């Protein structure tokens, strides 16, 4: 099935059995990804759908807001439209509540499965600094090595800070640079020095090594989890 539209609850036919089929097909697809140790964006997608349903359950007005609206009168001269809500009767509202009642525990079960996989990945990742870490660590490099192999994936990272009235959030973006290798004659420190010579704009870059004790998919699993661990480590430094 691939993905589940954000307004899956109210789009199309509002029918309990049909929506069960749509949701179960989606969760079956998610399970296949988890069975392949692929975490993202599937876990975050599940959490988004779960939170959306909780919001709808706690505030029925959100159900109305999610419903598509049909044009009931149009003033083409002033380009103004009035809309007629497509939901009116209590029977349909009960159908939606039944769908939500079925969906929430199913989504929660899948989320718990994803969290178990996340914990397994995090427990098998180690993040450490390569050489001395400068005071400025908001951008630099990440070296990723899996399962004690010689291959090393090299990324450049950058930390961004987002603020609202109450809190400050840190986000991290990565850009793939190259595939490298390490062996007895080529250390992680040498890879770092080659990066310094290649990219002069970072003469003293923060560089971190991520080692995975187990083999997981790099883009869907190792990198997303490692990015979160790296943000925490940089917060400790700064």
Protein backbone atom coordinates (compact mmCIF):
# COMPACT_ATOMS: atom_id res chain seq x y z
CA UNK A 1 0.00 0.00 0.00
CA UNK A 2 2.90 2.35 0.60
CA UNK A 3 1.53 5.15 2.71
CA UNK A 4 -1.61 6.39 4.42
CA UNK A 5 -2.97 9.81 3.54
CA UNK A 6 -3.10 12.23 6.45
CA UNK A 7 -6.88 12.57 5.96
CA UNK A 8 -7.53 8.86 5.44
CA UNK A 9 -10.19 8.87 8.15
CA UNK A 10 -12.53 11.19 6.29
CA UNK A 11 -11.56 10.91 2.64
CA UNK A 12 -13.68 8.80 0.33
CA UNK A 13 -16.29 6.38 1.66
CA UNK A 14 -16.98 6.57 5.39
CA UNK A 15 -17.45 2.88 6.09
CA UNK A 16 -16.12 0.94 9.06
CA UNK A 17 -15.20 -2.23 7.15
CA UNK A 18 -13.60 -0.29 4.31
CA UNK A 19 -11.51 1.85 6.64
CA UNK A 20 -10.42 -1.28 8.52
CA UNK A 21 -9.20 -2.71 5.21
CA UNK A 22 -7.32 0.52 4.38
CA UNK A 23 -5.66 0.69 7.80
CA UNK A 24 -4.73 -3.01 7.99
CA UNK A 25 -3.20 -2.90 4.50
CA UNK A 26 -1.10 0.09 5.59
CA UNK A 27 0.00 -1.61 8.83
CA UNK A 28 0.91 -4.78 6.92
CA UNK A 29 3.19 -2.69 4.72
CA UNK A 30 4.71 -1.02 7.80
CA UNK A 31 5.40 -4.42 9.38
CA UNK A 32 7.25 -5.55 6.26
CA UNK A 33 9.51 -2.52 6.58
CA UNK A 34 10.11 -3.18 10.28
CA UNK A 35 10.84 -6.86 9.53
CA UNK A 36 13.51 -5.57 7.12
CA UNK A 37 14.85 -3.34 9.96
CA UNK A 38 13.75 -0.18 8.12
CA UNK A 39 12.70 2.43 10.66
CA UNK A 40 12.22 5.75 8.91
CA UNK A 41 10.11 7.42 7.77
CA UNK A 42 7.75 4.63 8.81
CA UNK A 43 7.89 5.02 12.60
CA UNK A 44 7.45 8.79 12.49
CA UNK A 45 4.56 8.35 10.03
CA UNK A 46 2.82 5.96 12.44
CA UNK A 47 3.25 8.38 15.33
CA UNK A 48 1.81 11.22 13.24
CA UNK A 49 -1.32 9.21 12.40
CA UNK A 50 -1.72 8.11 16.02
CA UNK A 51 -1.51 11.69 17.31
CA UNK A 52 -3.94 12.89 14.65
CA UNK A 53 -6.55 10.35 15.73
CA UNK A 54 -6.08 11.23 19.40
CA UNK A 55 -6.67 14.88 18.54
CA UNK A 56 -9.79 14.05 16.56
CA UNK A 57 -11.08 11.82 19.35
CA UNK A 58 -10.63 14.55 21.96
CA UNK A 59 -12.09 17.30 19.79
CA UNK A 60 -14.99 16.39 17.55
CA UNK A 61 -14.81 19.75 15.80
CA UNK A 62 -11.58 18.51 14.21
CA UNK A 63 -13.63 15.88 12.41
CA UNK A 64 -15.52 18.62 10.67
CA UNK A 65 -12.30 20.41 9.81
CA UNK A 66 -10.90 17.25 8.22
CA UNK A 67 -13.89 16.68 5.99
CA UNK A 68 -13.74 17.78 2.35
CA UNK A 69 -16.06 20.61 1.54
CA UNK A 70 -18.20 21.01 -1.57
CA UNK A 71 -18.98 24.33 -3.19
CA UNK A 72 -22.62 25.19 -2.56
CA UNK A 73 -22.55 28.73 -4.01
CA UNK A 74 -19.90 30.63 -5.88
CA UNK A 75 -19.60 34.31 -6.58
CA UNK A 76 -17.23 34.25 -9.53
CA UNK A 77 -17.02 38.06 -9.72
CA UNK A 78 -15.66 38.40 -6.19
CA UNK A 79 -14.08 34.92 -6.19
CA UNK A 80 -15.82 34.09 -2.94
CA UNK A 81 -17.04 30.62 -2.18
CA UNK A 82 -19.34 29.33 0.47
CA UNK A 83 -19.01 25.74 1.50
CA UNK A 84 -21.46 23.18 2.69
CA UNK A 85 -20.21 20.59 5.16
CA UNK A 86 -20.62 17.07 3.93
CA UNK A 87 -21.17 15.62 7.38
CA UNK A 88 -24.51 16.07 9.13
CA UNK A 89 -25.93 12.96 10.75
CA UNK A 90 -25.20 11.21 14.04
CA UNK A 91 -24.97 7.79 12.34
CA UNK A 92 -21.93 8.88 10.35
CA UNK A 93 -20.35 10.37 13.46
CA UNK A 94 -20.77 7.03 15.23
CA UNK A 95 -19.15 5.28 12.25
CA UNK A 96 -16.13 7.56 12.55
CA UNK A 97 -15.88 7.00 16.30
CA UNK A 98 -15.96 3.23 15.69
CA UNK A 99 -13.17 3.54 13.13
CA UNK A 100 -11.07 5.54 15.57
CA UNK A 101 -11.75 3.00 18.32
CA UNK A 102 -10.45 0.22 16.06
CA UNK A 103 -7.50 2.18 14.68
CA UNK A 104 -5.89 3.56 17.84
CA UNK A 105 -4.83 0.24 19.44
CA UNK A 106 -3.68 -1.09 16.06
CA UNK A 107 -1.50 1.97 15.49
CA UNK A 108 -0.22 1.82 19.06
CA UNK A 109 0.81 -1.82 18.60
CA UNK A 110 2.75 -0.98 15.45
CA UNK A 111 4.39 2.01 17.16
CA UNK A 112 5.55 -0.22 20.01
CA UNK A 113 7.05 -2.63 17.50
CA UNK A 114 8.88 0.27 15.86
CA UNK A 115 10.14 1.53 19.21
CA UNK A 116 11.53 -1.92 20.04
CA UNK A 117 13.44 -1.86 16.76
CA UNK A 118 14.61 1.69 17.49
CA UNK A 119 15.91 0.63 20.91
CA UNK A 120 17.71 -2.34 19.37
CA UNK A 121 19.43 -0.09 16.83
CA UNK A 122 20.36 2.54 19.41
CA UNK A 123 21.79 -0.13 21.74
CA UNK A 124 24.04 -1.30 18.92
CA UNK A 125 25.31 2.13 17.85
CA UNK A 126 28.32 3.86 19.35
CA UNK A 127 29.08 7.53 18.70
CA UNK A 128 32.53 8.87 19.50
CA UNK A 129 34.69 11.82 18.53
CA UNK A 130 37.53 11.43 16.04
CA UNK A 131 40.44 13.43 17.42
CA UNK A 132 39.85 16.59 19.42
CA UNK A 133 36.43 18.20 19.16
CA UNK A 134 36.49 21.98 18.69
CA UNK A 135 34.21 24.32 20.64
CA UNK A 136 32.28 25.00 17.43
CA UNK A 137 30.61 21.68 16.65
CA UNK A 138 27.49 22.82 14.79
CA UNK A 139 28.90 21.48 11.55
CA UNK A 140 31.44 18.87 10.65
CA UNK A 141 31.67 15.27 9.48
CA UNK A 142 30.20 11.90 10.40
CA UNK A 143 31.95 8.64 9.56
CA UNK A 144 29.75 5.53 9.60
CA UNK A 145 31.14 2.02 9.86
CA UNK A 146 28.98 -1.12 10.00
CA UNK A 147 29.58 -4.53 11.46
CA UNK A 148 33.40 -4.14 11.68
CA UNK A 149 33.71 -3.95 7.89
CA UNK A 150 36.32 -1.84 6.11
CA UNK A 151 33.78 0.38 4.33
CA UNK A 152 33.20 3.84 5.77
CA UNK A 153 30.40 6.15 4.63
CA UNK A 154 31.29 9.82 4.98
CA UNK A 155 28.69 12.53 5.58
CA UNK A 156 28.82 16.22 6.31
CA UNK A 157 26.43 17.39 9.02
CA UNK A 158 25.00 20.73 10.09
CA UNK A 159 23.05 21.57 13.24
CA UNK A 160 20.16 24.03 13.03
CA UNK A 161 18.41 25.66 15.97
CA UNK A 162 14.67 26.35 15.96
CA UNK A 163 13.04 28.42 18.68
CA UNK A 164 9.50 29.19 19.74
CA UNK A 165 8.16 31.13 22.70
CA UNK A 166 8.83 28.29 25.13
CA UNK A 167 11.58 26.03 23.86
CA UNK A 168 14.63 25.67 21.68
CA UNK A 169 14.92 22.73 19.29
CA UNK A 170 17.95 21.36 17.50
CA UNK A 171 17.70 19.72 14.11
CA UNK A 172 20.43 18.08 12.07
CA UNK A 173 20.85 17.62 8.35
CA UNK A 174 23.39 15.40 6.62
CA UNK A 175 24.83 15.31 3.12
CA UNK A 176 26.55 12.25 1.74
CA UNK A 177 30.11 13.02 0.59
CA UNK A 178 31.89 9.81 -0.31
CA UNK A 179 32.60 6.17 0.43
CA UNK A 180 35.96 5.56 2.07
CA UNK A 181 37.65 2.67 3.87
CA UNK A 182 39.67 1.94 6.95
CA UNK A 183 42.22 -0.74 7.65
CA UNK A 184 45.47 -1.15 9.57
CA UNK A 185 47.23 1.41 7.40
CA UNK A 186 44.32 3.88 7.11
CA UNK A 187 42.79 5.19 10.32
CA UNK A 188 39.73 7.31 10.97
CA UNK A 189 42.07 10.19 11.85
CA UNK A 190 43.60 9.96 8.39
CA UNK A 191 40.16 10.08 6.80
CA UNK A 192 39.47 13.22 8.82
CA UNK A 193 42.73 14.85 7.67
CA UNK A 194 41.88 14.08 4.05
CA UNK A 195 38.54 15.84 4.57
CA UNK A 196 40.35 18.87 6.00
CA UNK A 197 42.57 19.07 2.91
CA UNK A 198 39.61 18.59 0.58
CA UNK A 199 37.23 21.06 2.22
CA UNK A 200 39.23 24.12 3.23
CA UNK A 201 36.22 25.99 4.65
CA UNK A 202 36.35 23.71 7.72
CA UNK A 203 40.01 23.83 8.82
CA UNK A 204 39.28 22.34 12.26
CA UNK A 205 36.10 20.30 11.83
CA UNK A 206 34.22 18.39 14.49
CA UNK A 207 34.26 14.79 13.31
CA UNK A 208 32.35 11.90 14.80
CA UNK A 209 32.47 8.17 14.26
CA UNK A 210 29.32 6.05 14.30
CA UNK A 211 29.96 2.33 14.63
CA UNK A 212 27.12 -0.15 14.27
CA UNK A 213 27.73 -3.52 15.87
CA UNK A 214 25.00 -5.02 13.68
CA UNK A 215 24.12 -4.53 10.04
CA UNK A 216 21.07 -2.33 9.46
CA UNK A 217 19.91 -0.36 6.42
CA UNK A 218 21.97 2.82 6.38
CA UNK A 219 19.56 5.51 5.09
CA UNK A 220 16.36 4.16 6.68
CA UNK A 221 17.75 3.12 10.05
CA UNK A 222 21.36 3.76 11.04
CA UNK A 223 21.61 7.35 9.84
CA UNK A 224 18.30 8.61 11.35
CA UNK A 225 19.05 7.04 14.74
CA UNK A 226 22.69 8.17 14.65
CA UNK A 227 21.60 11.75 13.90
CA UNK A 228 19.50 11.84 17.04
CA UNK A 229 22.34 10.41 19.10
CA UNK A 230 24.75 12.91 17.58
CA UNK A 231 22.52 15.86 18.48
CA UNK A 232 22.48 14.70 22.11
CA UNK A 233 26.26 14.27 22.13
CA UNK A 234 26.85 17.75 20.69
CA UNK A 235 24.46 19.23 23.27
CA UNK A 236 26.64 17.65 25.97
CA UNK A 237 29.73 19.24 24.44
CA UNK A 238 28.17 22.67 24.09
